[in-house]
Each structure stands twice: as C-alpha cells, then as structure tokens.
PDB file of N, CA and C in Angstrom:
ATOM      1  N   MET A   1       0.852  -1.176   0.000  1.00  0.00           N
ATOM      2  CA  MET A   1       0.000   0.000   0.000  1.00  0.00           C
ATOM      3  C   MET A   1       0.895   1.235   0.000  1.00  0.00           C
ATOM      4  N   GLY A   2       0.512   2.216  -0.793  1.00  0.00           N
ATOM      5  CA  GLY A   2       1.283   3.448  -0.878  1.00  0.00           C
ATOM      6  C   GLY A   2       1.138   4.293   0.377  1.00  0.00           C
ATOM      7  N   ALA A   3       2.084   5.179   0.553  1.00  0.00           N
ATOM      8  CA  ALA A   3       2.102   6.035   1.745  1.00  0.00           C
ATOM      9  C   ALA A   3       0.874   6.936   1.816  1.00  0.00           C
ATOM     10  N   MET A   4       0.427   7.465   0.675  1.00  0.00           N
ATOM     11  CA  MET A   4      -0.743   8.351   0.683  1.00  0.00           C
ATOM     12  C   MET A   4      -2.011   7.586   1.061  1.00  0.00           C
ATOM     13  N   LYS A   5      -2.154   6.392   0.537  1.00  0.00           N
ATOM     14  CA  LYS A   5      -3.329   5.578   0.873  1.00  0.00           C
ATOM     15  C   LYS A   5      -3.305   5.210   2.353  1.00  0.00           C
ATOM     16  N   ALA A   6      -2.139   4.857   2.860  1.00  0.00           N
ATOM     17  CA  ALA A   6      -2.007   4.530   4.284  1.00  0.00           C
ATOM     18  C   ALA A   6      -2.350   5.742   5.146  1.00  0.00           C
ATOM     19  N   TYR A   7      -1.866   6.919   4.726  1.00  0.00           N
ATOM     20  CA  TYR A   7      -2.168   8.142   5.485  1.00  0.00           C
ATOM     21  C   TYR A   7      -3.670   8.422   5.481  1.00  0.00           C
ATOM     22  N   GLU A   8      -4.309   8.281   4.336  1.00  0.00           N
ATOM     23  CA  GLU A   8      -5.757   8.535   4.262  1.00  0.00           C
ATOM     24  C   GLU A   8      -6.528   7.577   5.165  1.00  0.00           C
ATOM     25  N   MET A   9      -6.093   6.333   5.233  1.00  0.00           N
ATOM     26  CA  MET A   9      -6.750   5.371   6.131  1.00  0.00           C
ATOM     27  C   MET A   9      -6.524   5.768   7.587  1.00  0.00           C
ATOM     28  N   ASP A  10      -5.293   6.126   7.932  1.00  0.00           N
ATOM     29  CA  ASP A  10      -4.984   6.547   9.295  1.00  0.00           C
ATOM     30  C   ASP A  10      -5.758   7.821   9.652  1.00  0.00           C
ATOM     31  N   ARG A  11      -5.809   8.746   8.721  1.00  0.00           N
ATOM     32  CA  ARG A  11      -6.541  10.003   8.919  1.00  0.00           C
ATOM     33  C   ARG A  11      -8.019   9.713   9.186  1.00  0.00           C
ATOM     34  N   GLY A  12      -8.593   8.804   8.419  1.00  0.00           N
ATOM     35  CA  GLY A  12      -9.993   8.429   8.611  1.00  0.00           C
ATOM     36  C   GLY A  12     -10.231   7.807   9.975  1.00  0.00           C
ATOM     37  N   ASP A  13      -9.309   6.956  10.409  1.00  0.00           N
ATOM     38  CA  ASP A  13      -9.435   6.326  11.722  1.00  0.00           C
ATOM     39  C   ASP A  13      -9.373   7.360  12.845  1.00  0.00           C
ATOM     40  N   ILE A  14      -8.461   8.321  12.710  1.00  0.00           N
ATOM     41  CA  ILE A  14      -8.322   9.370  13.723  1.00  0.00           C
ATOM     42  C   ILE A  14      -9.584  10.232  13.753  1.00  0.00           C
ATOM     43  N   ARG A  15     -10.090  10.618  12.577  1.00  0.00           N
ATOM     44  CA  ARG A  15     -11.320  11.420  12.513  1.00  0.00           C
ATOM     45  C   ARG A  15     -12.483  10.674  13.154  1.00  0.00           C
ATOM     46  N   GLU A  16     -12.592   9.394  12.857  1.00  0.00           N
ATOM     47  CA  GLU A  16     -13.673   8.574  13.410  1.00  0.00           C
ATOM     48  C   GLU A  16     -13.591   8.516  14.941  1.00  0.00           C
ATOM     49  N   ALA A  17     -12.391   8.353  15.466  1.00  0.00           N
ATOM     50  CA  ALA A  17     -12.212   8.308  16.919  1.00  0.00           C
ATOM     51  C   ALA A  17     -12.563   9.650  17.559  1.00  0.00           C
ATOM     52  N   ALA A  18     -12.210  10.747  16.893  1.00  0.00           N
ATOM     53  CA  ALA A  18     -12.523  12.081  17.422  1.00  0.00           C
ATOM     54  C   ALA A  18     -14.025  12.337  17.399  1.00  0.00           C
ATOM     55  N   ILE A  19     -14.691  11.916  16.341  1.00  0.00           N
ATOM     56  CA  ILE A  19     -16.148  12.071  16.257  1.00  0.00           C
ATOM     57  C   ILE A  19     -16.818  11.246  17.338  1.00  0.00           C
ATOM     58  N   GLU A  20     -16.328  10.043  17.545  1.00  0.00           N
ATOM     59  CA  GLU A  20     -16.871   9.195  18.607  1.00  0.00           C
ATOM     60  C   GLU A  20     -16.675   9.856  19.974  1.00  0.00           C
ATOM     61  N   ALA A  21     -15.527  10.456  20.185  1.00  0.00           N
ATOM     62  CA  ALA A  21     -15.257  11.151  21.453  1.00  0.00           C
ATOM     63  C   ALA A  21     -16.237  12.303  21.660  1.00  0.00           C
ATOM     64  N   ALA A  22     -16.581  12.993  20.591  1.00  0.00           N
ATOM     65  CA  ALA A  22     -17.495  14.130  20.679  1.00  0.00           C
ATOM     66  C   ALA A  22     -18.889  13.717  21.115  1.00  0.00           C
ATOM     67  N   HIS A  23     -19.235  12.468  20.929  1.00  0.00           N
ATOM     68  CA  HIS A  23     -20.579  11.995  21.259  1.00  0.00           C
ATOM     69  C   HIS A  23     -20.763  11.615  22.729  1.00  0.00           C
ATOM     70  N   HIS A  24     -19.705  11.622  23.500  1.00  0.00           N
ATOM     71  CA  HIS A  24     -19.852  11.336  24.922  1.00  0.00           C
ATOM     72  C   HIS A  24     -20.610  12.482  25.583  1.00  0.00           C
ATOM     73  N   CYS A  25     -21.498  12.138  26.492  1.00  0.00           N
ATOM     74  CA  CYS A  25     -22.308  13.167  27.162  1.00  0.00           C
ATOM     75  C   CYS A  25     -21.496  13.965  28.176  1.00  0.00           C
ATOM     76  N   ALA A  26     -20.700  13.293  28.966  1.00  0.00           N
ATOM     77  CA  ALA A  26     -19.968  13.950  30.051  1.00  0.00           C
ATOM     78  C   ALA A  26     -18.645  14.523  29.546  1.00  0.00           C
ATOM     79  N   MET A  27     -18.348  15.732  29.979  1.00  0.00           N
ATOM     80  CA  MET A  27     -17.120  16.404  29.567  1.00  0.00           C
ATOM     81  C   MET A  27     -15.884  15.571  29.918  1.00  0.00           C
ATOM     82  N   GLU A  28     -15.872  14.973  31.089  1.00  0.00           N
ATOM     83  CA  GLU A  28     -14.720  14.169  31.509  1.00  0.00           C
ATOM     84  C   GLU A  28     -14.526  12.972  30.574  1.00  0.00           C
ATOM     85  N   GLU A  29     -15.621  12.369  30.142  1.00  0.00           N
ATOM     86  CA  GLU A  29     -15.527  11.243  29.206  1.00  0.00           C
ATOM     87  C   GLU A  29     -14.993  11.708  27.849  1.00  0.00           C
ATOM     88  N   ARG A  30     -15.439  12.879  27.405  1.00  0.00           N
ATOM     89  CA  ARG A  30     -14.925  13.421  26.143  1.00  0.00           C
ATOM     90  C   ARG A  30     -13.434  13.707  26.255  1.00  0.00           C
ATOM     91  N   LYS A  31     -13.025  14.286  27.382  1.00  0.00           N
ATOM     92  CA  LYS A  31     -11.608  14.592  27.593  1.00  0.00           C
ATOM     93  C   LYS A  31     -10.771  13.316  27.564  1.00  0.00           C
ATOM     94  N   ASP A  32     -11.222  12.300  28.279  1.00  0.00           N
ATOM     95  CA  ASP A  32     -10.485  11.030  28.305  1.00  0.00           C
ATOM     96  C   ASP A  32     -10.409  10.402  26.913  1.00  0.00           C
ATOM     97  N   ALA A  33     -11.510  10.464  26.188  1.00  0.00           N
ATOM     98  CA  ALA A  33     -11.525   9.888  24.841  1.00  0.00           C
ATOM     99  C   ALA A  33     -10.577  10.651  23.920  1.00  0.00           C
ATOM    100  N   MET A  34     -10.548  11.979  24.034  1.00  0.00           N
ATOM    101  CA  MET A  34      -9.651  12.756  23.181  1.00  0.00           C
ATOM    102  C   MET A  34      -8.191  12.551  23.566  1.00  0.00           C
ATOM    103  N   GLU A  35      -7.906  12.293  24.824  1.00  0.00           N
ATOM    104  CA  GLU A  35      -6.523  11.975  25.205  1.00  0.00           C
ATOM    105  C   GLU A  35      -6.067  10.711  24.492  1.00  0.00           C
ATOM    106  N   SER A  36      -6.967   9.749  24.351  1.00  0.00           N
ATOM    107  CA  SER A  36      -6.635   8.534  23.600  1.00  0.00           C
ATOM    108  C   SER A  36      -6.405   8.846  22.126  1.00  0.00           C
ATOM    109  N   VAL A  37      -7.192   9.783  21.602  1.00  0.00           N
ATOM    110  CA  VAL A  37      -7.011  10.192  20.207  1.00  0.00           C
ATOM    111  C   VAL A  37      -5.637  10.833  20.024  1.00  0.00           C
ATOM    112  N   TRP A  38      -5.253  11.718  20.954  1.00  0.00           N
ATOM    113  CA  TRP A  38      -3.927  12.371  20.854  1.00  0.00           C
ATOM    114  C   TRP A  38      -2.818  11.326  20.870  1.00  0.00           C
ATOM    115  N   GLU A  39      -2.950  10.352  21.768  1.00  0.00           N
ATOM    116  CA  GLU A  39      -1.946   9.285  21.831  1.00  0.00           C
ATOM    117  C   GLU A  39      -1.917   8.507  20.523  1.00  0.00           C
ATOM    118  N   GLY A  40      -3.090   8.266  19.959  1.00  0.00           N
ATOM    119  CA  GLY A  40      -3.167   7.569  18.679  1.00  0.00           C
ATOM    120  C   GLY A  40      -2.480   8.344  17.571  1.00  0.00           C
ATOM    121  N   CYS A  41      -2.644   9.658  17.578  1.00  0.00           N
ATOM    122  CA  CYS A  41      -1.967  10.501  16.581  1.00  0.00           C
ATOM    123  C   CYS A  41      -0.452  10.328  16.675  1.00  0.00           C
ATOM    124  N   ALA A  42       0.060  10.368  17.879  1.00  0.00           N
ATOM    125  CA  ALA A  42       1.505  10.231  18.086  1.00  0.00           C
ATOM    126  C   ALA A  42       1.985   8.843  17.665  1.00  0.00           C
ATOM    127  N   ASP A  43       1.221   7.820  18.033  1.00  0.00           N
ATOM    128  CA  ASP A  43       1.608   6.452  17.685  1.00  0.00           C
ATOM    129  C   ASP A  43       1.613   6.235  16.175  1.00  0.00           C
ATOM    130  N   VAL A  44       0.543   6.669  15.524  1.00  0.00           N
ATOM    131  CA  VAL A  44       0.430   6.497  14.071  1.00  0.00           C
ATOM    132  C   VAL A  44       1.529   7.271  13.355  1.00  0.00           C
ATOM    133  N   ALA A  45       1.812   8.470  13.811  1.00  0.00           N
ATOM    134  CA  ALA A  45       2.812   9.321  13.153  1.00  0.00           C
ATOM    135  C   ALA A  45       4.194   8.677  13.128  1.00  0.00           C
ATOM    136  N   GLN A  46       4.480   7.810  14.065  1.00  0.00           N
ATOM    137  CA  GLN A  46       5.797   7.165  14.119  1.00  0.00           C
ATOM    138  C   GLN A  46       6.067   6.280  12.915  1.00  0.00           C
ATOM    139  N   ARG A  47       5.024   5.912  12.187  1.00  0.00           N
ATOM    140  CA  ARG A  47       5.196   5.055  11.010  1.00  0.00           C
ATOM    141  C   ARG A  47       5.613   5.836   9.769  1.00  0.00           C
ATOM    142  N   TYR A  48       5.673   7.142   9.876  1.00  0.00           N
ATOM    143  CA  TYR A  48       5.953   7.984   8.717  1.00  0.00           C
ATOM    144  C   TYR A  48       7.337   8.608   8.792  1.00  0.00           C
ATOM    145  N   HIS A  49       7.787   9.129   7.660  1.00  0.00           N
ATOM    146  CA  HIS A  49       9.136   9.680   7.538  1.00  0.00           C
ATOM    147  C   HIS A  49       9.382  10.873   8.462  1.00  0.00           C
ATOM    148  N   ASN A  50       8.376  11.726   8.637  1.00  0.00           N
ATOM    149  CA  ASN A  50       8.533  12.925   9.462  1.00  0.00           C
ATOM    150  C   ASN A  50       7.436  12.933  10.532  1.00  0.00           C
ATOM    151  N   PRO A  51       7.624  12.171  11.616  1.00  0.00           N
ATOM    152  CA  PRO A  51       6.573  12.020  12.628  1.00  0.00           C
ATOM    153  C   PRO A  51       6.014  13.321  13.201  1.00  0.00           C
ATOM    154  N   PRO A  52       6.835  14.338  13.516  1.00  0.00           N
ATOM    155  CA  PRO A  52       6.242  15.560  14.075  1.00  0.00           C
ATOM    156  C   PRO A  52       5.254  16.250  13.131  1.00  0.00           C
ATOM    157  N   VAL A  53       5.582  16.259  11.850  1.00  0.00           N
ATOM    158  CA  VAL A  53       4.699  16.896  10.872  1.00  0.00           C
ATOM    159  C   VAL A  53       3.417  16.085  10.711  1.00  0.00           C
ATOM    160  N   VAL A  54       3.545  14.786  10.627  1.00  0.00           N
ATOM    161  CA  VAL A  54       2.362  13.929  10.473  1.00  0.00           C
ATOM    162  C   VAL A  54       1.496  14.009  11.729  1.00  0.00           C
ATOM    163  N   ALA A  55       2.104  14.010  12.895  1.00  0.00           N
ATOM    164  CA  ALA A  55       1.334  14.122  14.137  1.00  0.00           C
ATOM    165  C   ALA A  55       0.552  15.433  14.164  1.00  0.00           C
ATOM    166  N   ALA A  56       1.181  16.521  13.756  1.00  0.00           N
ATOM    167  CA  ALA A  56       0.491  17.821  13.728  1.00  0.00           C
ATOM    168  C   ALA A  56      -0.687  17.795  12.763  1.00  0.00           C
ATOM    169  N   MET A  57      -0.508  17.175  11.608  1.00  0.00           N
ATOM    170  CA  MET A  57      -1.606  17.094  10.633  1.00  0.00           C
ATOM    171  C   MET A  57      -2.751  16.247  11.178  1.00  0.00           C
ATOM    172  N   LEU A  58      -2.418  15.129  11.821  1.00  0.00           N
ATOM    173  CA  LEU A  58      -3.456  14.264  12.376  1.00  0.00           C
ATOM    174  C   LEU A  58      -4.183  14.944  13.535  1.00  0.00           C
ATOM    175  N   ILE A  59      -3.459  15.669  14.354  1.00  0.00           N
ATOM    176  CA  ILE A  59      -4.091  16.394  15.465  1.00  0.00           C
ATOM    177  C   ILE A  59      -5.042  17.450  14.921  1.00  0.00           C
ATOM    178  N   LYS A  60      -4.631  18.146  13.872  1.00  0.00           N
ATOM    179  CA  LYS A  60      -5.517  19.142  13.260  1.00  0.00           C
ATOM    180  C   LYS A  60      -6.788  18.474  12.746  1.00  0.00           C
ATOM    181  N   GLU A  61      -6.659  17.326  12.113  1.00  0.00           N
ATOM    182  CA  GLU A  61      -7.828  16.575  11.642  1.00  0.00           C
ATOM    183  C   GLU A  61      -8.736  16.174  12.799  1.00  0.00           C
ATOM    184  N   ALA A  62      -8.126  15.713  13.890  1.00  0.00           N
ATOM    185  CA  ALA A  62      -8.908  15.290  15.047  1.00  0.00           C
ATOM    186  C   ALA A  62      -9.673  16.463  15.649  1.00  0.00           C
ATOM    187  N   VAL A  63      -9.018  17.591  15.783  1.00  0.00           N
ATOM    188  CA  VAL A  63      -9.671  18.779  16.350  1.00  0.00           C
ATOM    189  C   VAL A  63     -10.830  19.225  15.462  1.00  0.00           C
ATOM    190  N   THR A  64     -10.588  19.258  14.164  1.00  0.00           N
ATOM    191  CA  THR A  64     -11.632  19.671  13.228  1.00  0.00           C
ATOM    192  C   THR A  64     -12.830  18.723  13.295  1.00  0.00           C
ATOM    193  N   ALA A  65     -12.560  17.434  13.284  1.00  0.00           N
ATOM    194  CA  ALA A  65     -13.646  16.449  13.338  1.00  0.00           C
ATOM    195  C   ALA A  65     -14.418  16.563  14.648  1.00  0.00           C
ATOM    196  N   TYR A  66     -13.700  16.719  15.750  1.00  0.00           N
ATOM    197  CA  TYR A  66     -14.337  16.839  17.062  1.00  0.00           C
ATOM    198  C   TYR A  66     -15.217  18.087  17.120  1.00  0.00           C
ATOM    199  N   MET A  67     -14.663  19.214  16.726  1.00  0.00           N
ATOM    200  CA  MET A  67     -15.410  20.472  16.795  1.00  0.00           C
ATOM    201  C   MET A  67     -16.612  20.464  15.849  1.00  0.00           C
ATOM    202  N   ASP A  68     -16.451  19.947  14.653  1.00  0.00           N
ATOM    203  CA  ASP A  68     -17.580  19.863  13.725  1.00  0.00           C
ATOM    204  C   ASP A  68     -18.696  18.994  14.298  1.00  0.00           C
ATOM    205  N   SER A  69     -18.312  17.893  14.893  1.00  0.00           N
ATOM    206  CA  SER A  69     -19.303  16.988  15.469  1.00  0.00           C
ATOM    207  C   SER A  69     -20.012  17.620  16.659  1.00  0.00           C
ATOM    208  N   ARG A  70     -19.244  18.257  17.545  1.00  0.00           N
ATOM    209  CA  ARG A  70     -19.862  18.928  18.711  1.00  0.00           C
ATOM    210  C   ARG A  70     -20.785  20.054  18.261  1.00  0.00           C
ATOM    211  N   THR A  71     -20.365  20.806  17.254  1.00  0.00           N
ATOM    212  CA  THR A  71     -21.196  21.900  16.747  1.00  0.00           C
ATOM    213  C   THR A  71     -22.504  21.365  16.197  1.00  0.00           C
ATOM    214  N   THR A  72     -22.428  20.291  15.436  1.00  0.00           N
ATOM    215  CA  THR A  72     -23.634  19.690  14.879  1.00  0.00           C
ATOM    216  C   THR A  72     -24.541  19.169  15.985  1.00  0.00           C
ATOM    217  N   LEU A  73     -23.958  18.477  16.941  1.00  0.00           N
ATOM    218  CA  LEU A  73     -24.766  17.919  18.028  1.00  0.00           C
ATOM    219  C   LEU A  73     -25.457  19.007  18.837  1.00  0.00           C
ATOM    220  N   THR A  74     -24.772  20.083  19.110  1.00  0.00           N
ATOM    221  CA  THR A  74     -25.376  21.154  19.911  1.00  0.00           C
ATOM    222  C   THR A  74     -26.381  21.950  19.091  1.00  0.00           C
ATOM    223  N   SER A  75     -26.147  22.088  17.774  1.00  0.00           N
ATOM    224  CA  SER A  75     -27.087  22.857  16.956  1.00  0.00           C
ATOM    225  C   SER A  75     -28.422  22.138  16.792  1.00  0.00           C
ATOM    226  N   ILE A  76     -28.394  20.811  16.851  1.00  0.00           N
ATOM    227  CA  ILE A  76     -29.656  20.080  16.763  1.00  0.00           C
ATOM    228  C   ILE A  76     -30.251  19.818  18.142  1.00  0.00           C
ATOM    229  N   GLY A  77     -29.569  20.316  19.181  1.00  0.00           N
ATOM    230  CA  GLY A  77     -30.082  20.179  20.529  1.00  0.00           C
ATOM    231  C   GLY A  77     -29.844  18.829  21.175  1.00  0.00           C
ATOM    232  N   ALA A  78     -28.932  18.063  20.614  1.00  0.00           N
ATOM    233  CA  ALA A  78     -28.660  16.738  21.170  1.00  0.00           C
ATOM    234  C   ALA A  78     -27.950  16.815  22.513  1.00  0.00           C
ATOM    235  N   TYR A  79     -27.046  17.799  22.656  1.00  0.00           N
ATOM    236  CA  TYR A  79     -26.265  17.954  23.881  1.00  0.00           C
ATOM    237  C   TYR A  79     -26.087  19.435  24.183  1.00  0.00           C
ATOM    238  N   ASP A  80     -25.798  19.707  25.434  1.00  0.00           N
ATOM    239  CA  ASP A  80     -25.367  21.052  25.820  1.00  0.00           C
ATOM    240  C   ASP A  80     -23.896  21.172  25.475  1.00  0.00           C
ATOM    241  N   LEU A  81     -23.391  22.386  25.456  1.00  0.00           N
ATOM    242  CA  LEU A  81     -21.967  22.600  25.237  1.00  0.00           C
ATOM    243  C   LEU A  81     -21.141  22.260  26.459  1.00  0.00           C
ATOM    244  N   ALA A  82     -21.760  22.066  27.589  1.00  0.00           N
ATOM    245  CA  ALA A  82     -21.040  21.775  28.830  1.00  0.00           C
ATOM    246  C   ALA A  82     -20.349  20.442  28.767  1.00  0.00           C
TER     247      ALA A  82
END
C-alpha cells in the first residue's frame, strides 16, 4: 500500500475516533476519549518519515472532526456545550 493511501486510512481512523469522542455526554468522558485520540496521533505518526509533521496534521484533523461533530450535536439540541 502506498504512503498516501495509508495516510488517508490513518486520517480516517483518527477522525472517526474524534467524532466518537465528541458523542460522549460527560465532559470528563470526552476529555479522556480525546486523550486517547492524541496518543493515537503520536503512535500512528511514528510510522511515517517525518513524525512531528504527520502528528500535527493528524491532530488538526482530530480537532476539526471533534469540533464539527460537537457543533452539529449542539445545533440540533442533542447535547449542551457543557
């Protein structure tokens, strides 16, 4: 498998984990879930040529996915922002 295809798969997995974290009701549960996502970003990045750059890109993806999901959930009234 090529490096770009592997990255896209890893990126998708990280986004999925961040979206799942956003769905937790309790803030503490969301925090714990996102800590696992951050660790996953660091672990996955080690497989690439420039781990710090890849980790930063994956973290940006995770943050974007998390925030988009939380925004959607709160806009439809599924959860409070708390």
